Amino acid sequence: LSRQVFCGAGRVGIGQFGEADGFQISQRADYIEVLTGLETTLRRG
């Protein structure tokens, strides 16, 4: 959860749909929803 400080790809937009303006470090971060999970396309862990 913290290594993104050096391996984030960067993204314009905050939230899964980019509903808030801004720039963030990781493209994947807003799609992480649980600590552990089997799925890779929803409720990503």
ModelCIF file with pLDDT and N, C-alpha, C, O atoms, coordinates in Angstrom:
data_MODEL
#
_entry.id   MODEL 
#
_entity.id                         1 
_entity.type                       polymer 
_entity.pdbx_number_of_molecules   1 
#
_entity_poly.entity_id                      1 
_entity_poly.type                           'polypeptide(L)' 
_entity_poly.nstd_linkage                   no 
_entity_poly.nstd_monomer                   no 
_entity_poly.pdbx_seq_one_letter_code       LSRQVFCGAGRVGIGQFGEADGFQISQRADYIEVLTGLETTLRRG 
_entity_poly.pdbx_seq_one_letter_code_can   LSRQVFCGAGRVGIGQFGEADGFQISQRADYIEVLTGLETTLRRG 
_entity_poly.pdbx_strand_id                 A 
#
loop_
_entity_poly_seq.entity_id 
_entity_poly_seq.num 
_entity_poly_seq.mon_id 
_entity_poly_seq.hetero 
1 1  LEU n 
1 2  SER n 
1 3  ARG n 
1 4  GLN n 
1 5  VAL n 
1 6  PHE n 
1 7  CYS n 
1 8  GLY n 
1 9  ALA n 
1 10 GLY n 
1 11 ARG n 
1 12 VAL n 
1 13 GLY n 
1 14 ILE n 
1 15 GLY n 
1 16 GLN n 
1 17 PHE n 
1 18 GLY n 
1 19 GLU n 
1 20 ALA n 
1 21 ASP n 
1 22 GLY n 
1 23 PHE n 
1 24 GLN n 
1 25 ILE n 
1 26 SER n 
1 27 GLN n 
1 28 ARG n 
1 29 ALA n 
1 30 ASP n 
1 31 TYR n 
1 32 ILE n 
1 33 GLU n 
1 34 VAL n 
1 35 LEU n 
1 36 THR n 
1 37 GLY n 
1 38 LEU n 
1 39 GLU n 
1 40 THR n 
1 41 THR n 
1 42 LEU n 
1 43 ARG n 
1 44 ARG n 
1 45 GLY n 
#
_struct_asym.id          A 
_struct_asym.entity_id   1 
#
loop_
_ma_qa_metric.id 
_ma_qa_metric.mode 
_ma_qa_metric.name 
_ma_qa_metric.software_group_id 
_ma_qa_metric.type 
1 global pLDDT . pLDDT 
2 local  pLDDT . pLDDT 
#
_ma_qa_metric_global.metric_id      1 
_ma_qa_metric_global.metric_value   91.27 
_ma_qa_metric_global.model_id       1 
_ma_qa_metric_global.ordinal_id     1 
#
loop_
_ma_qa_metric_local.label_asym_id 
_ma_qa_metric_local.label_comp_id 
_ma_qa_metric_local.label_seq_id 
_ma_qa_metric_local.metric_id 
_ma_qa_metric_local.metric_value 
_ma_qa_metric_local.model_id 
_ma_qa_metric_local.ordinal_id 
A LEU 1  2 97.00 1 1  
A SER 2  2 98.00 1 2  
A ARG 3  2 98.00 1 3  
A GLN 4  2 98.00 1 4  
A VAL 5  2 98.00 1 5  
A PHE 6  2 98.00 1 6  
A CYS 7  2 98.00 1 7  
A GLY 8  2 98.00 1 8  
A ALA 9  2 98.00 1 9  
A GLY 10 2 98.00 1 10 
A ARG 11 2 98.00 1 11 
A VAL 12 2 98.00 1 12 
A GLY 13 2 97.00 1 13 
A ILE 14 2 97.00 1 14 
A GLY 15 2 96.00 1 15 
A GLN 16 2 94.00 1 16 
A PHE 17 2 93.00 1 17 
A GLY 18 2 93.00 1 18 
A GLU 19 2 92.00 1 19 
A ALA 20 2 96.00 1 20 
A ASP 21 2 97.00 1 21 
A GLY 22 2 97.00 1 22 
A PHE 23 2 98.00 1 23 
A GLN 24 2 98.00 1 24 
A ILE 25 2 98.00 1 25 
A SER 26 2 98.00 1 26 
A GLN 27 2 97.00 1 27 
A ARG 28 2 96.00 1 28 
A ALA 29 2 96.00 1 29 
A ASP 30 2 96.00 1 30 
A TYR 31 2 95.00 1 31 
A ILE 32 2 94.00 1 32 
A GLU 33 2 93.00 1 33 
A VAL 34 2 94.00 1 34 
A LEU 35 2 91.00 1 35 
A THR 36 2 88.00 1 36 
A GLY 37 2 75.00 1 37 
A LEU 38 2 66.00 1 38 
A GLU 39 2 67.00 1 39 
A THR 40 2 59.00 1 40 
A THR 41 2 66.00 1 41 
A LEU 42 2 66.00 1 42 
A ARG 43 2 78.00 1 43 
A ARG 44 2 84.00 1 44 
A GLY 45 2 87.00 1 45 
#
loop_
_atom_site.group_PDB 
_atom_site.id 
_atom_site.type_symbol 
_atom_site.label_atom_id 
_atom_site.label_alt_id 
_atom_site.label_comp_id 
_atom_site.label_asym_id 
_atom_site.label_entity_id 
_atom_site.label_seq_id 
_atom_site.pdbx_PDB_ins_code 
_atom_site.Cartn_x 
_atom_site.Cartn_y 
_atom_site.Cartn_z 
_atom_site.occupancy 
_atom_site.B_iso_or_equiv 
_atom_site.pdbx_formal_charge 
_atom_site.auth_seq_id 
_atom_site.auth_comp_id 
_atom_site.auth_asym_id 
_atom_site.auth_atom_id 
_atom_site.pdbx_PDB_model_num 
ATOM 1   N N  . LEU A 1 1  ? 0.806   -1.224  0.000   1.00 97.00 ? 1  LEU A N  1 
ATOM 2   C CA . LEU A 1 1  ? 0.000   0.000   0.000   1.00 97.00 ? 1  LEU A CA 1 
ATOM 3   C C  . LEU A 1 1  ? 0.841   1.276   0.000   1.00 97.00 ? 1  LEU A C  1 
ATOM 4   O O  . LEU A 1 1  ? 0.343   2.349   -0.343  1.00 97.00 ? 1  LEU A O  1 
ATOM 5   N N  . SER A 1 2  ? 2.118   1.162   0.385   1.00 98.00 ? 2  SER A N  1 
ATOM 6   C CA . SER A 1 2  ? 2.961   2.366   0.455   1.00 98.00 ? 2  SER A CA 1 
ATOM 7   C C  . SER A 1 2  ? 4.019   2.462   -0.633  1.00 98.00 ? 2  SER A C  1 
ATOM 8   O O  . SER A 1 2  ? 4.565   3.544   -0.851  1.00 98.00 ? 2  SER A O  1 
ATOM 9   N N  . ARG A 1 3  ? 4.330   1.370   -1.325  1.00 98.00 ? 3  ARG A N  1 
ATOM 10  C CA . ARG A 1 3  ? 5.380   1.409   -2.349  1.00 98.00 ? 3  ARG A CA 1 
ATOM 11  C C  . ARG A 1 3  ? 4.985   2.278   -3.538  1.00 98.00 ? 3  ARG A C  1 
ATOM 12  O O  . ARG A 1 3  ? 5.831   2.595   -4.375  1.00 98.00 ? 3  ARG A O  1 
ATOM 13  N N  . GLN A 1 4  ? 3.720   2.666   -3.626  1.00 98.00 ? 4  GLN A N  1 
ATOM 14  C CA . GLN A 1 4  ? 3.270   3.513   -4.721  1.00 98.00 ? 4  GLN A CA 1 
ATOM 15  C C  . GLN A 1 4  ? 4.021   4.845   -4.776  1.00 98.00 ? 4  GLN A C  1 
ATOM 16  O O  . GLN A 1 4  ? 4.017   5.517   -5.807  1.00 98.00 ? 4  GLN A O  1 
ATOM 17  N N  . VAL A 1 5  ? 4.661   5.226   -3.677  1.00 98.00 ? 5  VAL A N  1 
ATOM 18  C CA . VAL A 1 5  ? 5.401   6.497   -3.690  1.00 98.00 ? 5  VAL A CA 1 
ATOM 19  C C  . VAL A 1 5  ? 6.507   6.479   -4.736  1.00 98.00 ? 5  VAL A C  1 
ATOM 20  O O  . VAL A 1 5  ? 6.910   7.537   -5.218  1.00 98.00 ? 5  VAL A O  1 
ATOM 21  N N  . PHE A 1 6  ? 7.009   5.291   -5.101  1.00 98.00 ? 6  PHE A N  1 
ATOM 22  C CA . PHE A 1 6  ? 8.023   5.230   -6.157  1.00 98.00 ? 6  PHE A CA 1 
ATOM 23  C C  . PHE A 1 6  ? 7.568   4.439   -7.377  1.00 98.00 ? 6  PHE A C  1 
ATOM 24  O O  . PHE A 1 6  ? 8.206   4.534   -8.426  1.00 98.00 ? 6  PHE A O  1 
ATOM 25  N N  . CYS A 1 7  ? 6.490   3.663   -7.284  1.00 98.00 ? 7  CYS A N  1 
ATOM 26  C CA . CYS A 1 7  ? 6.074   2.890   -8.468  1.00 98.00 ? 7  CYS A CA 1 
ATOM 27  C C  . CYS A 1 7  ? 4.671   3.242   -8.938  1.00 98.00 ? 7  CYS A C  1 
ATOM 28  O O  . CYS A 1 7  ? 4.064   2.481   -9.691  1.00 98.00 ? 7  CYS A O  1 
ATOM 29  N N  . GLY A 1 8  ? 4.148   4.384   -8.504  1.00 98.00 ? 8  GLY A N  1 
ATOM 30  C CA . GLY A 1 8  ? 2.890   4.861   -9.059  1.00 98.00 ? 8  GLY A CA 1 
ATOM 31  C C  . GLY A 1 8  ? 3.100   5.406   -10.464 1.00 98.00 ? 8  GLY A C  1 
ATOM 32  O O  . GLY A 1 8  ? 4.153   5.967   -10.766 1.00 98.00 ? 8  GLY A O  1 
ATOM 33  N N  . ALA A 1 9  ? 2.095   5.239   -11.325 1.00 98.00 ? 9  ALA A N  1 
ATOM 34  C CA . ALA A 1 9  ? 2.201   5.712   -12.707 1.00 98.00 ? 9  ALA A CA 1 
ATOM 35  C C  . ALA A 1 9  ? 1.637   7.111   -12.878 1.00 98.00 ? 9  ALA A C  1 
ATOM 36  O O  . ALA A 1 9  ? 1.813   7.718   -13.935 1.00 98.00 ? 9  ALA A O  1 
ATOM 37  N N  . GLY A 1 10 ? 0.959   7.639   -11.857 1.00 98.00 ? 10 GLY A N  1 
ATOM 38  C CA . GLY A 1 10 ? 0.386   8.973   -11.950 1.00 98.00 ? 10 GLY A CA 1 
ATOM 39  C C  . GLY A 1 10 ? -0.921  8.987   -12.711 1.00 98.00 ? 10 GLY A C  1 
ATOM 40  O O  . GLY A 1 10 ? -1.099  8.252   -13.682 1.00 98.00 ? 10 GLY A O  1 
ATOM 41  N N  . ARG A 1 11 ? -1.851  9.847   -12.252 1.00 98.00 ? 11 ARG A N  1 
ATOM 42  C CA . ARG A 1 11 ? -3.169  9.886   -12.902 1.00 98.00 ? 11 ARG A CA 1 
ATOM 43  C C  . ARG A 1 11 ? -3.830  11.244  -12.711 1.00 98.00 ? 11 ARG A C  1 
ATOM 44  O O  . ARG A 1 11 ? -3.773  11.823  -11.626 1.00 98.00 ? 11 ARG A O  1 
ATOM 45  N N  . VAL A 1 12 ? -4.458  11.750  -13.773 1.00 98.00 ? 12 VAL A N  1 
ATOM 46  C CA . VAL A 1 12 ? -5.294  12.941  -13.680 1.00 98.00 ? 12 VAL A CA 1 
ATOM 47  C C  . VAL A 1 12 ? -6.684  12.510  -13.240 1.00 98.00 ? 12 VAL A C  1 
ATOM 48  O O  . VAL A 1 12 ? -7.310  11.665  -13.880 1.00 98.00 ? 12 VAL A O  1 
ATOM 49  N N  . GLY A 1 13 ? -7.168  13.092  -12.140 1.00 97.00 ? 13 GLY A N  1 
ATOM 50  C CA . GLY A 1 13 ? -8.493  12.759  -11.644 1.00 97.00 ? 13 GLY A CA 1 
ATOM 51  C C  . GLY A 1 13 ? -8.442  11.972  -10.352 1.00 97.00 ? 13 GLY A C  1 
ATOM 52  O O  . GLY A 1 13 ? -7.563  11.134  -10.155 1.00 97.00 ? 13 GLY A O  1 
ATOM 53  N N  . ILE A 1 14 ? -9.392  12.247  -9.475  1.00 97.00 ? 14 ILE A N  1 
ATOM 54  C CA . ILE A 1 14 ? -9.500  11.562  -8.191  1.00 97.00 ? 14 ILE A CA 1 
ATOM 55  C C  . ILE A 1 14 ? -10.828 10.798  -8.166  1.00 97.00 ? 14 ILE A C  1 
ATOM 56  O O  . ILE A 1 14 ? -11.870 11.354  -8.516  1.00 97.00 ? 14 ILE A O  1 
ATOM 57  N N  . GLY A 1 15 ? -10.794 9.542   -7.761  1.00 96.00 ? 15 GLY A N  1 
ATOM 58  C CA . GLY A 1 15 ? -11.989 8.711   -7.757  1.00 96.00 ? 15 GLY A CA 1 
ATOM 59  C C  . GLY A 1 15 ? -12.019 7.814   -8.976  1.00 96.00 ? 15 GLY A C  1 
ATOM 60  O O  . GLY A 1 15 ? -11.359 8.092   -9.977  1.00 96.00 ? 15 GLY A O  1 
ATOM 61  N N  . GLN A 1 16 ? -12.792 6.727   -8.892  1.00 94.00 ? 16 GLN A N  1 
ATOM 62  C CA . GLN A 1 16 ? -12.811 5.758   -9.982  1.00 94.00 ? 16 GLN A CA 1 
ATOM 63  C C  . GLN A 1 16 ? -13.233 6.377   -11.310 1.00 94.00 ? 16 GLN A C  1 
ATOM 64  O O  . GLN A 1 16 ? -12.724 5.995   -12.363 1.00 94.00 ? 16 GLN A O  1 
ATOM 65  N N  . PHE A 1 17 ? -14.159 7.328   -11.265 1.00 93.00 ? 17 PHE A N  1 
ATOM 66  C CA . PHE A 1 17 ? -14.622 7.982   -12.484 1.00 93.00 ? 17 PHE A CA 1 
ATOM 67  C C  . PHE A 1 17 ? -13.949 9.340   -12.697 1.00 93.00 ? 17 PHE A C  1 
ATOM 68  O O  . PHE A 1 17 ? -14.352 10.106  -13.572 1.00 93.00 ? 17 PHE A O  1 
ATOM 69  N N  . GLY A 1 18 ? -12.925 9.634   -11.896 1.00 93.00 ? 18 GLY A N  1 
ATOM 70  C CA . GLY A 1 18 ? -12.291 10.939  -11.997 1.00 93.00 ? 18 GLY A CA 1 
ATOM 71  C C  . GLY A 1 18 ? -13.231 12.063  -11.624 1.00 93.00 ? 18 GLY A C  1 
ATOM 72  O O  . GLY A 1 18 ? -13.159 13.161  -12.175 1.00 93.00 ? 18 GLY A O  1 
ATOM 73  N N  . GLU A 1 19 ? -14.128 11.774  -10.668 1.00 92.00 ? 19 GLU A N  1 
ATOM 74  C CA . GLU A 1 19 ? -15.173 12.726  -10.328 1.00 92.00 ? 19 GLU A CA 1 
ATOM 75  C C  . GLU A 1 19 ? -14.663 13.973  -9.618  1.00 92.00 ? 19 GLU A C  1 
ATOM 76  O O  . GLU A 1 19 ? -15.354 14.992  -9.600  1.00 92.00 ? 19 GLU A O  1 
ATOM 77  N N  . ALA A 1 20 ? -13.471 13.914  -9.035  1.00 96.00 ? 20 ALA A N  1 
ATOM 78  C CA . ALA A 1 20 ? -12.867 15.088  -8.407  1.00 96.00 ? 20 ALA A CA 1 
ATOM 79  C C  . ALA A 1 20 ? -11.634 15.499  -9.205  1.00 96.00 ? 20 ALA A C  1 
ATOM 80  O O  . ALA A 1 20 ? -10.916 14.651  -9.734  1.00 96.00 ? 20 ALA A O  1 
ATOM 81  N N  . ASP A 1 21 ? -11.398 16.795  -9.285  1.00 97.00 ? 21 ASP A N  1 
ATOM 82  C CA . ASP A 1 21 ? -10.258 17.308  -10.038 1.00 97.00 ? 21 ASP A CA 1 
ATOM 83  C C  . ASP A 1 21 ? -8.969  17.126  -9.236  1.00 97.00 ? 21 ASP A C  1 
ATOM 84  O O  . ASP A 1 21 ? -8.977  17.142  -8.005  1.00 97.00 ? 21 ASP A O  1 
ATOM 85  N N  . GLY A 1 22 ? -7.879  16.955  -9.951  1.00 97.00 ? 22 GLY A N  1 
ATOM 86  C CA . GLY A 1 22 ? -6.589  16.851  -9.287  1.00 97.00 ? 22 GLY A CA 1 
ATOM 87  C C  . GLY A 1 22 ? -5.704  15.804  -9.919  1.00 97.00 ? 22 GLY A C  1 
ATOM 88  O O  . GLY A 1 22 ? -6.057  15.195  -10.929 1.00 97.00 ? 22 GLY A O  1 
ATOM 89  N N  . PHE A 1 23 ? -4.559  15.604  -9.316  1.00 98.00 ? 23 PHE A N  1 
ATOM 90  C CA . PHE A 1 23 ? -3.575  14.623  -9.781  1.00 98.00 ? 23 PHE A CA 1 
ATOM 91  C C  . PHE A 1 23 ? -3.224  13.721  -8.612  1.00 98.00 ? 23 PHE A C  1 
ATOM 92  O O  . PHE A 1 23 ? -3.069  14.195  -7.487  1.00 98.00 ? 23 PHE A O  1 
ATOM 93  N N  . GLN A 1 24 ? -3.097  12.421  -8.867  1.00 98.00 ? 24 GLN A N  1 
ATOM 94  C CA . GLN A 1 24 ? -2.700  11.497  -7.813  1.00 98.00 ? 24 GLN A CA 1 
ATOM 95  C C  . GLN A 1 24 ? -1.567  10.599  -8.278  1.00 98.00 ? 24 GLN A C  1 
ATOM 96  O O  . GLN A 1 24 ? -1.274  10.504  -9.470  1.00 98.00 ? 24 GLN A O  1 
ATOM 97  N N  . ILE A 1 25 ? -0.938  9.946   -7.314  1.00 98.00 ? 25 ILE A N  1 
ATOM 98  C CA . ILE A 1 25 ? 0.279   9.173   -7.556  1.00 98.00 ? 25 ILE A CA 1 
ATOM 99  C C  . ILE A 1 25 ? 0.011   7.883   -8.320  1.00 98.00 ? 25 ILE A C  1 
ATOM 100 O O  . ILE A 1 25 ? 0.785   7.514   -9.203  1.00 98.00 ? 25 ILE A O  1 
ATOM 101 N N  . SER A 1 26 ? -1.082  7.192   -7.986  1.00 98.00 ? 26 SER A N  1 
ATOM 102 C CA . SER A 1 26 ? -1.327  5.848   -8.512  1.00 98.00 ? 26 SER A CA 1 
ATOM 103 C C  . SER A 1 26 ? -2.586  5.793   -9.366  1.00 98.00 ? 26 SER A C  1 
ATOM 104 O O  . SER A 1 26 ? -3.592  6.423   -9.042  1.00 98.00 ? 26 SER A O  1 
ATOM 105 N N  . GLN A 1 27 ? -2.525  5.033   -10.463 1.00 97.00 ? 27 GLN A N  1 
ATOM 106 C CA . GLN A 1 27 ? -3.715  4.810   -11.284 1.00 97.00 ? 27 GLN A CA 1 
ATOM 107 C C  . GLN A 1 27 ? -4.631  3.757   -10.662 1.00 97.00 ? 27 GLN A C  1 
ATOM 108 O O  . GLN A 1 27 ? -5.844  3.793   -10.867 1.00 97.00 ? 27 GLN A O  1 
ATOM 109 N N  . ARG A 1 28 ? -4.076  2.847   -9.928  1.00 96.00 ? 28 ARG A N  1 
ATOM 110 C CA . ARG A 1 28 ? -4.826  1.696   -9.418  1.00 96.00 ? 28 ARG A CA 1 
ATOM 111 C C  . ARG A 1 28 ? -5.471  1.963   -8.053  1.00 96.00 ? 28 ARG A C  1 
ATOM 112 O O  . ARG A 1 28 ? -6.407  1.262   -7.668  1.00 96.00 ? 28 ARG A O  1 
ATOM 113 N N  . ALA A 1 29 ? -4.985  2.961   -7.326  1.00 96.00 ? 29 ALA A N  1 
ATOM 114 C CA . ALA A 1 29 ? -5.348  3.129   -5.916  1.00 96.00 ? 29 ALA A CA 1 
ATOM 115 C C  . ALA A 1 29 ? -6.845  3.216   -5.669  1.00 96.00 ? 29 ALA A C  1 
ATOM 116 O O  . ALA A 1 29 ? -7.359  2.548   -4.772  1.00 96.00 ? 29 ALA A O  1 
ATOM 117 N N  . ASP A 1 30 ? -7.557  4.029   -6.450  1.00 96.00 ? 30 ASP A N  1 
ATOM 118 C CA . ASP A 1 30 ? -8.974  4.249   -6.187  1.00 96.00 ? 30 ASP A CA 1 
ATOM 119 C C  . ASP A 1 30 ? -9.832  3.022   -6.454  1.00 96.00 ? 30 ASP A C  1 
ATOM 120 O O  . ASP A 1 30 ? -11.013 3.004   -6.107  1.00 96.00 ? 30 ASP A O  1 
ATOM 121 N N  . TYR A 1 31 ? -9.255  2.005   -7.063  1.00 95.00 ? 31 TYR A N  1 
ATOM 122 C CA . TYR A 1 31 ? -9.995  0.779   -7.363  1.00 95.00 ? 31 TYR A CA 1 
ATOM 123 C C  . TYR A 1 31 ? -9.739  -0.312  -6.328  1.00 95.00 ? 31 TYR A C  1 
ATOM 124 O O  . TYR A 1 31 ? -10.261 -1.419  -6.458  1.00 95.00 ? 31 TYR A O  1 
ATOM 125 N N  . ILE A 1 32 ? -8.947  -0.016  -5.310  1.00 94.00 ? 32 ILE A N  1 
ATOM 126 C CA . ILE A 1 32 ? -8.693  -0.963  -4.224  1.00 94.00 ? 32 ILE A CA 1 
ATOM 127 C C  . ILE A 1 32 ? -9.762  -0.753  -3.153  1.00 94.00 ? 32 ILE A C  1 
ATOM 128 O O  . ILE A 1 32 ? -9.925  0.357   -2.646  1.00 94.00 ? 32 ILE A O  1 
ATOM 129 N N  . GLU A 1 33 ? -10.490 -1.817  -2.810  1.00 93.00 ? 33 GLU A N  1 
ATOM 130 C CA . GLU A 1 33 ? -11.664 -1.673  -1.954  1.00 93.00 ? 33 GLU A CA 1 
ATOM 131 C C  . GLU A 1 33 ? -11.649 -2.529  -0.694  1.00 93.00 ? 33 GLU A C  1 
ATOM 132 O O  . GLU A 1 33 ? -12.412 -2.262  0.234   1.00 93.00 ? 33 GLU A O  1 
ATOM 133 N N  . VAL A 1 34 ? -10.794 -3.557  -0.639  1.00 94.00 ? 34 VAL A N  1 
ATOM 134 C CA . VAL A 1 34 ? -10.750 -4.429  0.535   1.00 94.00 ? 34 VAL A CA 1 
ATOM 135 C C  . VAL A 1 34 ? -9.298  -4.798  0.829   1.00 94.00 ? 34 VAL A C  1 
ATOM 136 O O  . VAL A 1 34 ? -8.418  -4.626  -0.014  1.00 94.00 ? 34 VAL A O  1 
ATOM 137 N N  . LEU A 1 35 ? -9.063  -5.306  2.031   1.00 91.00 ? 35 LEU A N  1 
ATOM 138 C CA . LEU A 1 35 ? -7.716  -5.765  2.382   1.00 91.00 ? 35 LEU A CA 1 
ATOM 139 C C  . LEU A 1 35 ? -7.371  -7.035  1.633   1.00 91.00 ? 35 LEU A C  1 
ATOM 140 O O  . LEU A 1 35 ? -6.285  -7.137  1.061   1.00 91.00 ? 35 LEU A O  1 
ATOM 141 N N  . THR A 1 36 ? -8.280  -8.014  1.624   1.00 88.00 ? 36 THR A N  1 
ATOM 142 C CA . THR A 1 36 ? -8.041  -9.280  0.939   1.00 88.00 ? 36 THR A CA 1 
ATOM 143 C C  . THR A 1 36 ? -9.250  -9.622  0.074   1.00 88.00 ? 36 THR A C  1 
ATOM 144 O O  . THR A 1 36 ? -10.386 -9.327  0.443   1.00 88.00 ? 36 THR A O  1 
ATOM 145 N N  . GLY A 1 37 ? -9.004  -10.240 -1.069  1.00 75.00 ? 37 GLY A N  1 
ATOM 146 C CA . GLY A 1 37 ? -10.098 -10.633 -1.939  1.00 75.00 ? 37 GLY A CA 1 
ATOM 147 C C  . GLY A 1 37 ? -9.610  -11.497 -3.080  1.00 75.00 ? 37 GLY A C  1 
ATOM 148 O O  . GLY A 1 37 ? -8.455  -11.409 -3.497  1.00 75.00 ? 37 GLY A O  1 
ATOM 149 N N  . LEU A 1 38 ? -10.514 -12.343 -3.583  1.00 66.00 ? 38 LEU A N  1 
ATOM 150 C CA . LEU A 1 38 ? -10.184 -13.253 -4.674  1.00 66.00 ? 38 LEU A CA 1 
ATOM 151 C C  . LEU A 1 38 ? -10.355 -12.599 -6.047  1.00 66.00 ? 38 LEU A C  1 
ATOM 152 O O  . LEU A 1 38 ? -9.633  -12.925 -6.989  1.00 66.00 ? 38 LEU A O  1 
ATOM 153 N N  . GLU A 1 39 ? -11.303 -11.685 -6.153  1.00 67.00 ? 39 GLU A N  1 
ATOM 154 C CA . GLU A 1 39 ? -11.626 -11.094 -7.446  1.00 67.00 ? 39 GLU A CA 1 
ATOM 155 C C  . GLU A 1 39 ? -10.523 -10.134 -7.922  1.00 67.00 ? 39 GLU A C  1 
ATOM 156 O O  . GLU A 1 39 ? -9.794  -9.542  -7.125  1.00 67.00 ? 39 GLU A O  1 
ATOM 157 N N  . THR A 1 40 ? -10.434 -10.008 -9.238  1.00 59.00 ? 40 THR A N  1 
ATOM 158 C CA . THR A 1 40 ? -9.477  -9.057  -9.826  1.00 59.00 ? 40 THR A CA 1 
ATOM 159 C C  . THR A 1 40 ? -10.174 -7.953  -10.598 1.00 59.00 ? 40 THR A C  1 
ATOM 160 O O  . THR A 1 40 ? -9.523  -7.008  -11.045 1.00 59.00 ? 40 THR A O  1 
ATOM 161 N N  . THR A 1 41 ? -11.499 -8.055  -10.767 1.00 66.00 ? 41 THR A N  1 
ATOM 162 C CA . THR A 1 41 ? -12.229 -7.049  -11.532 1.00 66.00 ? 41 THR A CA 1 
ATOM 163 C C  . THR A 1 41 ? -13.263 -6.301  -10.688 1.00 66.00 ? 41 THR A C  1 
ATOM 164 O O  . THR A 1 41 ? -13.857 -5.336  -11.168 1.00 66.00 ? 41 THR A O  1 
ATOM 165 N N  . LEU A 1 42 ? -13.488 -6.722  -9.453  1.00 66.00 ? 42 LEU A N  1 
ATOM 166 C CA . LEU A 1 42 ? -14.368 -6.014  -8.524  1.00 66.00 ? 42 LEU A CA 1 
ATOM 167 C C  . LEU A 1 42 ? -13.935 -6.362  -7.108  1.00 66.00 ? 42 LEU A C  1 
ATOM 168 O O  . LEU A 1 42 ? -13.314 -7.398  -6.873  1.00 66.00 ? 42 LEU A O  1 
ATOM 169 N N  . ARG A 1 43 ? -14.272 -5.479  -6.164  1.00 78.00 ? 43 ARG A N  1 
ATOM 170 C CA . ARG A 1 43 ? -13.829 -5.657  -4.775  1.00 78.00 ? 43 ARG A CA 1 
ATOM 171 C C  . ARG A 1 43 ? -12.357 -6.090  -4.730  1.00 78.00 ? 43 ARG A C  1 
ATOM 172 O O  . ARG A 1 43 ? -11.993 -7.073  -4.085  1.00 78.00 ? 43 ARG A O  1 
ATOM 173 N N  . ARG A 1 44 ? -11.547 -5.335  -5.423  1.00 84.00 ? 44 ARG A N  1 
ATOM 174 C CA . ARG A 1 44 ? -10.129 -5.677  -5.528  1.00 84.00 ? 44 ARG A CA 1 
ATOM 175 C C  . ARG A 1 44 ? -9.434  -5.484  -4.182  1.00 84.00 ? 44 ARG A C  1 
ATOM 176 O O  . ARG A 1 44 ? -9.712  -4.524  -3.463  1.00 84.00 ? 44 ARG A O  1 
ATOM 177 N N  . GLY A 1 45 ? -8.535  -6.396  -3.850  1.00 87.00 ? 45 GLY A N  1 
ATOM 178 C CA . GLY A 1 45 ? -7.867  -6.369  -2.564  1.00 87.00 ? 45 GLY A CA 1 
ATOM 179 C C  . GLY A 1 45 ? -6.427  -5.909  -2.631  1.00 87.00 ? 45 GLY A C  1 
ATOM 180 O O  . GLY A 1 45 ? -5.752  -5.842  -1.604  1.00 87.00 ? 45 GLY A O  1 
#
